[in-house]
Every structure is written in C-alpha cells, then in structure tokens.
Amino acid sequence: MRHALLLLLITPIAVVIGWAFPVWYGWAFLCASLLCLYAYQSWHFSRLDRWTRNPVIDTSLEGRGSWDTIFGRLYHHEKDLREQIAFREKNIDLLRSAVQALADGVVLLDLQNNVVFCNNTAEMQLGLQLAVDRGQSILHLVRQPEFVSYLEHADFAQPLTLRPERYRDRIYTIHIIPYAGSRRLMQIKDVTQAERIDQTRRDFVANVSHELRTPLTVLIGFLETLQTLELSTAERDHFLQLMMEQSQRMQSIVQDLLTLSAIESAPPPENTMIDMANLLQQLQRDAETLSQGRHRIVVASCDAGQLRGSEAELFSALSNLVTNAVRYTPEGGTITLRWDVSPHDAAFSVQDTGTGIAAEHIPRLTERFYRVDKGRSRHSGGTGLGLAIAKHAITRHQGHLEIRSELGKGSCFVAHFPINRLA
C-alpha cells in the first residue's frame, strides 16, 4: 500500500516536470524514481534471500516500511520455532536418558526388524554397538535359532527365554511389544538371579523331602515290624533305639531349618558386647565334650577384645564351624581355635587336620544340604545346614566366611569381621 501511494505521488510530479520543462525531463524523473524504488526492493529481497539460505535469530534483520514488519515476523517466528525445537530436544534427551538408565535392555526395531535404537544395557546383553549396528537387521546380529524362530513366527503372547552365546551363564527373557503400527520394541530382562533363586527353592524342597524321607522310611519300617512280628525284649529295645535316633535326626533337621529361617527373617542383630575370650572357652568346652577325648582341642591365640553383635547368633555360627571340625577330623587329629585382631579386621578361625575338601566342592559348601560325601555326613550326624546357618549369621554381622582346604592336609574355616565391630 505504501509503495502504491508512492507511485501515485511520483506520477503527478513527473507530469508537472514534463509540462514545465521539456517532456523528457518528466520521463527521466519517472524512470529514475522507479529505478530507485526497484533498487530498494531488490536490496530487501536479496537480504531475505540470504537469510532464507541460513535462517538465524538475528536482531540486525531489519528493514524500512513494510519490510520491517515482514522481517520482524520472520524473526519472531524463527525464535519461537527454535525454542520449540530446543524444548522437544530436551524432552527427547530426558527420555533417552531415562531409557539408558533402565536395568532392562531396550531395542527399537523398524518395519523390517532393523535396529533403530538400543540402550546401553541391551548393547551389553546382546553384544550390540549402536554406532555400528544402527540400520542392521537384528536377525543378522542375534543369530541364535530360537530367537530367529521366535521373531519370524511373530507369536509374542509368551516371552522367549534365551541364554546368549556371549554369556552362557546368563538367562534373559525377551518380550516383543508391537507399537506405532508394525514397529517392534524388544524388552530384555535379566532373570538369572530369579532363576537361581527358583532353582535353589526347588533344590531346597527336594533336599528337605529327601532328608526327611529317609528317617521317616526307617521309622515306618520299624513300626510295621513291631506291629507284625513277635520280637524279643532285646530286639524291641534295639529297634526303639534306632527309631529314637531317626526321630532325633528329624528333630535336628527341623530345628536347624527353624534357626536358619529365624536368622534370615530377623531384624539386624543387636549390638551387645561379646567377650571373645569367654566365647572361645565355651567353644573349646563344647568341642571337648563332642570329641570325648578323641581329638586334641587347642586355643592357639586369643587377642583381648570384645565384638559387637548378637551373642546367640555368633555362638551358633562359630559352634557349627567347630562341630564340623570335630565330626570330620579322624581320631587323634588336632583342632585349633584362634581369634586374631589386625588393623584391618578381626577373624575367628577353626583349623583341623582332617582329610580336607576338594577344591571343586568349596564354593558350594554353604549351600543348604550340600554334602561332599553324603554317606559320611549322615553317619556323622550332620544335617547339612550348619555352614548355611554360619554363613548367614556371619553375613548379618557384616562379615564373610573364608574356606581354605587341601586334600590330605585338613581345612581352615575363617569368619572375618570388620574392624568397626570391635568395641
């Protein structure tokens, strides 16, 4: 509109000049005015063209007249657009960070099952590298037949349980969730620990059943014998004695199970002061009573000091270590009890001169009902729960159980406690 008014103003002036002076003066004035107006417009157009090639938020993008309004609108539009983009990029970064923080692996697949994105957990689980594998088919990257079949059949009602080739000791469940049409999201959950716990539970039930079934079978057999046969007084007394032994064995198993359950579910142990010198004397007396003179029981050293904790729990734990040493050391052997305090920790150790334990058994010794020699263990009267009880009690006092053994030379069980547990 402003330029139209300017043209209406220039035209009469050119007519007046052409009337008052030679005509070509008027035409020259009109042409010069139009040329200046064209140059003015071209200059603004060139600035706009340069800006559109590289849009930036530039406060120097100004003009005159209507051009200033146009440039102002472009400036504010570009500024608002950049703010919206920055806001969305920030939200995308937050979402990406949240996905990266997930304990589960996440892989996004496109319509052709090509990798679009995966988080760090998925990279570690499946051996992927997003920088290299983006755009690659997941079937080329994870080639295990069960996974390929699962993805190709597209029946995702149930998750796939997979042991990856890279980590055969790990167990993953893979859930595939369709989203945005035919795209797919893979969720990879590490269920190794859950599977181990479940396996431990199954083993525990099987072991308890087996441990209780044996004495129950003996009891039932003797009861049937007593009911059906005429026995002499000596035979009856012998059978009753065997029945009593089996009953006591079942009672010991149940009592140890209750003790283990109580330790596992109990609140943190109390912090009473335990006189370790007195505790070692009690352990020595109990060992001598159990040994009945068949072994030499020695307290090699006992540094003065008191330990903070539950005396009942620790006595039960350490007594199990001593009892095992007595049971599994041949007659004439030596059992050494020791309590040492160093600048780093405090340690109670039981060393024997028994037959020792093979190295492959040591990692599993603290499992419930695990036995190196089942026949010998039952003959010695053990329930298979002593070391499990000891380990849990020591762990509840922020300690750990160390086991050293060598076949033919004996074993050493060491309960380490942190130095801050000392009074």
Protein backbone atom coordinates (compact mmCIF):
# COMPACT_ATOMS: atom_id res chain seq x y z
CA MET A 1 0.00 0.00 0.00
CA ARG A 2 2.79 2.40 0.87
CA HIS A 3 4.55 1.70 -2.40
CA ALA A 4 1.32 2.25 -4.38
CA LEU A 5 0.86 5.65 -2.73
CA LEU A 6 4.44 6.48 -3.54
CA LEU A 7 3.83 5.65 -7.22
CA LEU A 8 0.69 7.83 -7.21
CA LEU A 9 2.78 10.68 -5.80
CA ILE A 10 5.67 10.26 -8.29
CA THR A 11 3.45 10.14 -11.36
CA PRO A 12 1.85 13.66 -10.97
CA ILE A 13 5.25 15.12 -10.16
CA ALA A 14 6.67 13.63 -13.36
CA VAL A 15 3.72 15.08 -15.33
CA VAL A 16 4.29 18.53 -13.85
CA ILE A 17 8.02 18.39 -14.64
CA GLY A 18 7.25 17.27 -18.22
CA TRP A 19 4.74 20.14 -18.62
CA ALA A 20 7.04 22.83 -17.12
CA PHE A 21 10.23 21.58 -18.76
CA PRO A 22 10.98 19.54 -21.84
CA VAL A 23 8.96 16.28 -21.78
CA TRP A 24 11.96 14.05 -21.48
CA TYR A 25 12.72 15.68 -18.08
CA GLY A 26 9.47 14.25 -16.78
CA TRP A 27 10.21 10.83 -18.22
CA ALA A 28 13.73 10.91 -16.79
CA PHE A 29 12.39 11.77 -13.34
CA LEU A 30 9.82 8.96 -13.52
CA CYS A 31 12.39 6.38 -14.67
CA ALA A 32 14.90 7.45 -12.04
CA SER A 33 12.23 7.18 -9.33
CA LEU A 34 11.14 3.73 -10.49
CA LEU A 35 14.78 2.61 -10.66
CA CYS A 36 15.39 3.78 -7.09
CA LEU A 37 12.22 2.01 -5.94
CA TYR A 38 13.31 -1.19 -7.74
CA ALA A 39 16.79 -0.99 -6.20
CA TYR A 40 15.23 -0.51 -2.78
CA GLN A 41 13.01 -3.58 -3.22
CA SER A 42 15.84 -5.66 -4.71
CA TRP A 43 18.10 -4.87 -1.78
CA HIS A 44 15.47 -6.13 0.69
CA PHE A 45 14.77 -9.15 -1.47
CA SER A 46 18.47 -10.04 -1.55
CA ARG A 47 18.68 -9.75 2.24
CA LEU A 48 15.63 -12.01 2.57
CA ASP A 49 17.12 -14.49 0.12
CA ARG A 50 20.40 -14.64 2.04
CA TRP A 51 18.56 -15.14 5.32
CA THR A 52 16.39 -17.96 3.97
CA ARG A 53 19.55 -19.82 2.92
CA ASN A 54 20.79 -19.77 6.53
CA PRO A 55 17.99 -18.79 8.93
CA VAL A 56 19.36 -17.40 12.20
CA ILE A 57 17.93 -15.36 15.02
CA ASP A 58 19.50 -12.05 14.00
CA THR A 59 18.32 -8.78 15.53
CA SER A 60 20.03 -6.92 12.68
CA LEU A 61 17.41 -8.31 10.29
CA GLU A 62 15.61 -5.02 9.91
CA GLY A 63 14.12 -3.04 7.04
CA ARG A 64 12.10 0.03 6.32
CA GLY A 65 8.39 0.34 5.97
CA SER A 66 6.50 -2.89 5.31
CA TRP A 67 9.77 -4.77 5.04
CA ASP A 68 10.47 -4.11 8.70
CA THR A 69 7.14 -5.73 9.59
CA ILE A 70 7.95 -8.77 7.44
CA PHE A 71 11.43 -9.14 8.91
CA GLY A 72 10.03 -8.74 12.41
CA ARG A 73 7.54 -11.54 11.83
CA LEU A 74 10.25 -13.80 10.42
CA TYR A 75 12.49 -13.04 13.40
CA HIS A 76 9.80 -13.93 15.97
CA HIS A 77 8.69 -16.98 14.02
CA GLU A 78 12.26 -18.32 13.84
CA LYS A 79 12.81 -17.57 17.53
CA ASP A 80 9.60 -19.40 18.56
CA LEU A 81 10.43 -22.32 16.27
CA ARG A 82 13.90 -22.70 17.73
CA GLU A 83 12.53 -22.56 21.26
CA GLN A 84 10.04 -25.31 20.41
CA ILE A 85 12.77 -27.43 18.83
CA ALA A 86 15.04 -26.91 21.87
CA PHE A 87 12.18 -27.86 24.21
CA ARG A 88 11.44 -31.02 22.25
CA GLU A 89 15.12 -31.96 22.01
CA LYS A 90 15.42 -31.51 25.77
CA ASN A 91 12.44 -33.82 26.31
CA ILE A 92 13.89 -36.34 23.86
CA ASP A 93 17.24 -36.23 25.70
CA LEU A 94 15.44 -36.77 29.01
CA LEU A 95 13.54 -39.70 27.54
CA ARG A 96 16.74 -41.15 26.06
CA SER A 97 18.50 -40.77 29.43
CA ALA A 98 15.60 -42.50 31.17
CA VAL A 99 15.76 -45.41 28.70
CA GLN A 100 19.54 -45.62 29.17
CA ALA A 101 19.04 -45.79 32.94
CA LEU A 102 16.73 -48.81 32.70
CA ALA A 103 18.03 -52.05 34.16
CA ASP A 104 16.32 -53.88 31.29
CA GLY A 105 17.62 -53.83 27.73
CA VAL A 106 15.52 -51.94 25.17
CA VAL A 107 15.84 -52.30 21.38
CA LEU A 108 13.62 -50.43 18.90
CA LEU A 109 13.06 -52.13 15.53
CA ASP A 110 11.59 -50.66 12.35
CA LEU A 111 9.18 -52.34 9.93
CA GLN A 112 11.99 -54.57 8.54
CA ASN A 113 13.32 -55.54 12.02
CA ASN A 114 16.30 -53.22 11.59
CA VAL A 115 17.81 -51.69 14.72
CA VAL A 116 16.70 -48.09 15.22
CA PHE A 117 17.88 -47.61 18.80
CA CYS A 118 19.13 -49.63 21.75
CA ASN A 119 20.20 -48.66 25.25
CA ASN A 120 23.50 -49.47 26.93
CA THR A 121 22.03 -52.45 28.77
CA ALA A 122 20.91 -54.05 25.50
CA GLU A 123 24.35 -53.42 23.99
CA MET A 124 25.95 -55.33 26.86
CA GLN A 125 23.35 -58.13 26.85
CA LEU A 126 23.31 -58.83 23.11
CA GLY A 127 26.77 -57.59 22.14
CA LEU A 128 25.40 -54.71 20.05
CA GLN A 129 27.09 -51.41 19.16
CA LEU A 130 24.52 -48.80 18.23
CA ALA A 131 27.02 -46.62 16.37
CA VAL A 132 27.83 -49.55 14.06
CA ASP A 133 24.67 -51.65 14.13
CA ARG A 134 22.05 -48.95 13.60
CA GLY A 135 20.07 -49.89 10.49
CA GLN A 136 21.26 -53.53 10.60
CA SER A 137 18.75 -56.39 10.84
CA ILE A 138 18.51 -57.75 14.37
CA LEU A 139 18.42 -61.25 12.83
CA HIS A 140 21.94 -60.68 11.49
CA LEU A 141 23.17 -59.55 14.89
CA VAL A 142 21.47 -62.15 17.11
CA ARG A 143 21.64 -65.43 15.18
CA GLN A 144 20.55 -67.97 17.76
CA PRO A 145 17.97 -70.27 16.12
CA GLU A 146 15.41 -69.93 18.92
CA PHE A 147 15.49 -66.14 18.65
CA VAL A 148 15.22 -66.16 14.85
CA SER A 149 12.28 -68.57 15.00
CA TYR A 150 10.58 -66.51 17.71
CA LEU A 151 10.85 -63.29 15.70
CA GLU A 152 9.81 -64.85 12.40
CA HIS A 153 6.73 -66.61 13.80
CA ALA A 154 5.61 -63.32 15.40
CA ASP A 155 3.77 -65.05 18.24
CA PHE A 156 4.63 -62.75 21.12
CA ALA A 157 1.99 -63.85 23.62
CA GLN A 158 4.72 -65.50 25.69
CA PRO A 159 8.26 -64.17 26.22
CA LEU A 160 11.30 -66.01 24.89
CA THR A 161 13.79 -67.41 27.38
CA LEU A 162 17.29 -67.13 25.93
CA ARG A 163 20.82 -68.00 27.00
CA PRO A 164 23.01 -65.68 24.89
CA GLU A 165 26.02 -67.11 23.14
CA ARG A 166 28.28 -64.44 24.67
CA TYR A 167 27.27 -65.19 28.28
CA ARG A 168 26.08 -68.76 28.66
CA ASP A 169 25.78 -68.31 32.42
CA ARG A 170 23.13 -65.59 31.95
CA ILE A 171 19.42 -66.12 31.34
CA TYR A 172 17.30 -63.47 29.59
CA THR A 173 13.60 -63.21 28.84
CA ILE A 174 12.75 -61.26 25.70
CA HIS A 175 9.38 -59.53 25.38
CA ILE A 176 8.49 -58.09 21.96
CA ILE A 177 5.82 -55.38 22.03
CA PRO A 178 4.34 -54.02 18.77
CA TYR A 179 4.00 -50.23 18.67
CA ALA A 180 3.34 -47.50 16.07
CA GLY A 181 1.88 -49.90 13.57
CA SER A 182 4.19 -52.80 12.78
CA ARG A 183 7.25 -51.47 14.59
CA ARG A 184 8.55 -53.51 17.50
CA LEU A 185 10.05 -52.84 20.89
CA MET A 186 12.24 -55.53 22.42
CA GLN A 187 12.47 -55.62 26.20
CA ILE A 188 15.30 -57.81 27.50
CA LYS A 189 15.13 -58.74 31.18
CA ASP A 190 17.97 -60.48 33.02
CA VAL A 191 16.30 -63.21 35.08
CA THR A 192 19.48 -65.06 36.02
CA GLN A 193 19.17 -64.29 39.72
CA ALA A 194 15.46 -65.11 39.78
CA GLU A 195 16.14 -68.42 38.03
CA ARG A 196 18.90 -69.22 40.50
CA ILE A 197 16.62 -68.43 43.43
CA ASP A 198 13.88 -70.55 41.93
CA GLN A 199 16.33 -73.39 41.33
CA THR A 200 17.58 -73.03 44.90
CA ARG A 201 13.98 -73.22 46.11
CA ARG A 202 13.33 -76.35 44.05
CA ASP A 203 16.57 -77.92 45.27
CA PHE A 204 15.71 -76.96 48.83
CA VAL A 205 12.27 -78.58 48.67
CA ALA A 206 13.76 -81.69 47.05
CA ASN A 207 16.56 -81.87 49.64
CA VAL A 208 14.25 -81.38 52.61
CA SER A 209 11.93 -84.06 51.25
CA HIS A 210 14.86 -86.41 50.76
CA GLU A 211 16.41 -85.69 54.15
CA LEU A 212 13.13 -86.27 56.00
CA ARG A 213 12.02 -89.21 53.87
CA THR A 214 14.98 -91.38 54.90
CA PRO A 215 14.34 -91.31 58.68
CA LEU A 216 10.58 -91.49 58.11
CA THR A 217 11.03 -94.60 55.98
CA VAL A 218 13.13 -96.15 58.74
CA LEU A 219 10.54 -95.26 61.38
CA ILE A 220 7.65 -96.64 59.33
CA GLY A 221 9.59 -99.83 58.65
CA PHE A 222 10.35 -100.37 62.33
CA LEU A 223 6.77 -99.58 63.33
CA GLU A 224 5.45 -102.14 60.85
CA THR A 225 7.95 -104.65 62.17
CA LEU A 226 6.86 -104.03 65.76
CA GLN A 227 3.21 -104.42 64.76
CA THR A 228 3.56 -107.61 62.75
CA LEU A 229 6.36 -109.61 64.37
CA GLU A 230 6.85 -111.11 67.79
CA LEU A 231 10.19 -109.72 68.99
CA SER A 232 12.32 -110.39 72.00
CA THR A 233 12.86 -107.66 74.53
CA ALA A 234 16.41 -107.09 73.27
CA GLU A 235 15.26 -106.82 69.64
CA ARG A 236 12.44 -104.46 70.60
CA ASP A 237 14.81 -102.25 72.60
CA HIS A 238 17.25 -102.21 69.65
CA PHE A 239 14.53 -101.14 67.22
CA LEU A 240 13.25 -98.49 69.63
CA GLN A 241 16.77 -97.14 69.99
CA LEU A 242 17.13 -96.88 66.20
CA MET A 243 13.72 -95.21 65.99
CA MET A 244 14.79 -92.71 68.64
CA GLU A 245 17.96 -91.90 66.67
CA GLN A 246 15.97 -91.28 63.49
CA SER A 247 13.45 -89.15 65.39
CA GLN A 248 16.26 -87.07 66.86
CA ARG A 249 17.73 -86.70 63.40
CA MET A 250 14.44 -85.33 62.06
CA GLN A 251 14.19 -83.06 65.08
CA SER A 252 17.69 -81.72 64.38
CA ILE A 253 16.82 -81.03 60.73
CA VAL A 254 13.62 -79.21 61.68
CA GLN A 255 15.42 -77.25 64.42
CA ASP A 256 18.18 -76.18 62.02
CA LEU A 257 15.58 -75.15 59.42
CA LEU A 258 13.80 -73.04 62.03
CA THR A 259 17.11 -71.50 63.10
CA LEU A 260 18.03 -70.65 59.51
CA SER A 261 14.59 -69.19 58.84
CA ALA A 262 14.77 -67.10 62.02
CA ILE A 263 18.20 -65.73 61.09
CA GLU A 264 17.11 -64.84 57.54
CA SER A 265 13.93 -63.04 58.62
CA ALA A 266 15.21 -61.44 61.82
CA PRO A 267 15.90 -57.69 62.15
CA PRO A 268 19.53 -56.53 62.24
CA PRO A 269 21.43 -58.15 65.12
CA GLU A 270 21.73 -56.38 68.43
CA ASN A 271 25.00 -54.73 69.39
CA THR A 272 25.74 -56.28 72.75
CA MET A 273 29.35 -56.68 73.87
CA ILE A 274 30.62 -60.23 73.41
CA ASP A 275 33.71 -61.26 75.41
CA MET A 276 35.57 -63.29 72.79
CA ALA A 277 37.90 -64.91 75.34
CA ASN A 278 34.92 -66.28 77.22
CA LEU A 279 33.24 -67.33 73.94
CA LEU A 280 36.30 -69.29 72.86
CA GLN A 281 36.40 -71.08 76.20
CA GLN A 282 32.78 -72.14 75.71
CA LEU A 283 33.52 -73.35 72.17
CA GLN A 284 36.55 -75.27 73.45
CA ARG A 285 34.49 -76.98 76.19
CA ASP A 286 31.75 -77.93 73.70
CA ALA A 287 34.34 -79.31 71.28
CA GLU A 288 35.97 -81.40 74.03
CA THR A 289 32.56 -82.74 75.08
CA LEU A 290 31.70 -83.71 71.50
CA SER A 291 35.17 -85.16 70.87
CA GLN A 292 35.14 -87.26 74.08
CA GLY A 293 38.93 -87.30 74.12
CA ARG A 294 39.37 -88.46 70.52
CA HIS A 295 40.97 -85.18 69.40
CA ARG A 296 43.34 -82.55 70.69
CA ILE A 297 41.49 -79.23 71.05
CA VAL A 298 43.83 -76.20 71.13
CA VAL A 299 43.18 -72.47 71.57
CA ALA A 300 46.27 -71.11 69.83
CA SER A 301 45.70 -67.42 70.49
CA CYS A 302 43.01 -65.15 71.76
CA ASP A 303 43.65 -61.46 71.45
CA ALA A 304 41.82 -59.45 74.08
CA GLY A 305 38.76 -57.70 72.80
CA GLN A 306 35.00 -57.56 72.59
CA LEU A 307 32.87 -57.92 69.48
CA ARG A 308 29.59 -56.09 68.95
CA GLY A 309 26.73 -58.33 67.90
CA SER A 310 24.25 -61.00 68.86
CA GLU A 311 25.98 -63.50 71.14
CA ALA A 312 23.39 -66.22 70.46
CA GLU A 313 23.74 -65.92 66.67
CA LEU A 314 27.52 -65.78 66.68
CA PHE A 315 27.83 -68.65 69.14
CA SER A 316 25.55 -70.74 66.92
CA ALA A 317 27.58 -69.84 63.80
CA LEU A 318 31.02 -70.44 65.32
CA SER A 319 29.83 -73.55 67.14
CA ASN A 320 28.78 -75.04 63.79
CA LEU A 321 32.30 -74.47 62.45
CA VAL A 322 33.84 -76.14 65.50
CA THR A 323 31.35 -79.00 65.46
CA ASN A 324 32.07 -79.74 61.80
CA ALA A 325 35.80 -79.80 62.51
CA VAL A 326 35.27 -82.37 65.28
CA ARG A 327 32.94 -84.53 63.19
CA TYR A 328 35.13 -84.67 60.11
CA THR A 329 38.55 -84.98 61.74
CA PRO A 330 39.78 -88.55 62.28
CA GLU A 331 40.58 -89.71 65.78
CA GLY A 332 43.92 -88.40 67.02
CA GLY A 333 43.72 -85.23 64.95
CA THR A 334 44.18 -81.66 66.18
CA ILE A 335 41.60 -78.84 66.07
CA THR A 336 42.93 -75.34 66.57
CA LEU A 337 40.74 -72.37 67.56
CA ARG A 338 42.10 -68.89 67.01
CA TRP A 339 40.87 -65.31 67.50
CA ASP A 340 43.11 -62.68 65.89
CA VAL A 341 42.74 -58.92 65.64
CA SER A 342 44.61 -56.98 62.97
CA PRO A 343 44.47 -53.32 61.88
CA HIS A 344 42.13 -54.38 59.06
CA ASP A 345 39.72 -56.89 60.59
CA ALA A 346 39.08 -59.44 63.31
CA ALA A 347 38.95 -63.14 62.50
CA PHE A 348 37.85 -66.33 64.22
CA SER A 349 39.34 -69.45 62.64
CA VAL A 350 38.96 -73.19 63.09
CA GLN A 351 41.73 -75.32 61.64
CA ASP A 352 41.69 -79.10 61.60
CA THR A 353 43.96 -81.93 60.45
CA GLY A 354 41.20 -83.86 58.71
CA THR A 355 41.09 -85.31 55.22
CA GLY A 356 40.42 -81.97 53.57
CA ILE A 357 37.95 -80.97 50.86
CA ALA A 358 38.46 -80.98 47.09
CA ALA A 359 38.61 -77.52 45.52
CA GLU A 360 35.53 -78.05 43.32
CA HIS A 361 33.32 -78.50 46.40
CA ILE A 362 34.42 -75.42 48.32
CA PRO A 363 32.22 -72.80 46.51
CA ARG A 364 29.10 -74.85 47.29
CA LEU A 365 29.80 -75.85 50.88
CA THR A 366 27.49 -73.18 52.33
CA GLU A 367 24.51 -74.27 50.22
CA ARG A 368 21.72 -75.88 52.19
CA PHE A 369 22.01 -79.67 52.37
CA TYR A 370 25.08 -79.71 50.12
CA ARG A 371 27.30 -82.61 51.08
CA VAL A 372 30.76 -83.57 49.87
CA ASP A 373 30.26 -87.18 50.98
CA LYS A 374 26.60 -87.91 51.68
CA GLY A 375 27.20 -91.22 53.37
CA ARG A 376 29.91 -89.90 55.68
CA SER A 377 27.87 -86.76 56.51
CA ARG A 378 24.81 -88.70 57.58
CA HIS A 379 26.93 -91.14 59.57
CA SER A 380 28.49 -88.21 61.45
CA GLY A 381 25.06 -86.85 62.37
CA GLY A 382 25.17 -83.63 60.40
CA THR A 383 22.00 -82.09 58.92
CA GLY A 384 23.71 -80.31 56.01
CA LEU A 385 22.57 -76.89 57.30
CA GLY A 386 25.36 -75.96 59.70
CA LEU A 387 27.51 -74.00 57.24
CA ALA A 388 24.46 -72.26 55.76
CA ILE A 389 23.50 -71.10 59.27
CA ALA A 390 27.06 -69.99 59.96
CA LYS A 391 27.33 -68.05 56.71
CA HIS A 392 24.05 -66.17 57.24
CA ALA A 393 24.85 -65.29 60.84
CA ILE A 394 28.33 -64.02 59.93
CA THR A 395 26.96 -62.04 56.96
CA ARG A 396 24.39 -60.38 59.22
CA HIS A 397 27.35 -59.05 61.23
CA GLN A 398 28.91 -57.53 58.06
CA GLY A 399 31.43 -60.35 57.95
CA HIS A 400 32.26 -63.10 55.48
CA LEU A 401 33.26 -66.74 55.69
CA GLU A 402 36.52 -67.85 54.11
CA ILE A 403 37.15 -71.55 53.45
CA ARG A 404 40.61 -72.97 52.75
CA SER A 405 41.21 -76.67 52.35
CA GLU A 406 43.61 -79.14 50.82
CA LEU A 407 43.04 -82.83 50.39
CA GLY A 408 45.06 -84.87 52.85
CA LYS A 409 46.12 -81.84 54.90
CA GLY A 410 42.94 -80.53 56.51
CA SER A 411 40.70 -77.47 56.35
CA CYS A 412 40.54 -73.97 57.79
CA PHE A 413 37.29 -72.02 58.20
CA VAL A 414 37.75 -68.32 58.93
CA ALA A 415 34.99 -65.90 59.96
CA HIS A 416 36.15 -62.35 59.17
CA PHE A 417 34.50 -59.35 60.87
CA PRO A 418 35.01 -55.66 60.05
CA ILE A 419 37.21 -53.73 62.46
CA ASN A 420 34.34 -51.37 63.37
CA ARG A 421 32.58 -54.34 65.01
CA LEU A 422 35.25 -54.37 67.75
CA ALA A 423 34.48 -52.50 70.93
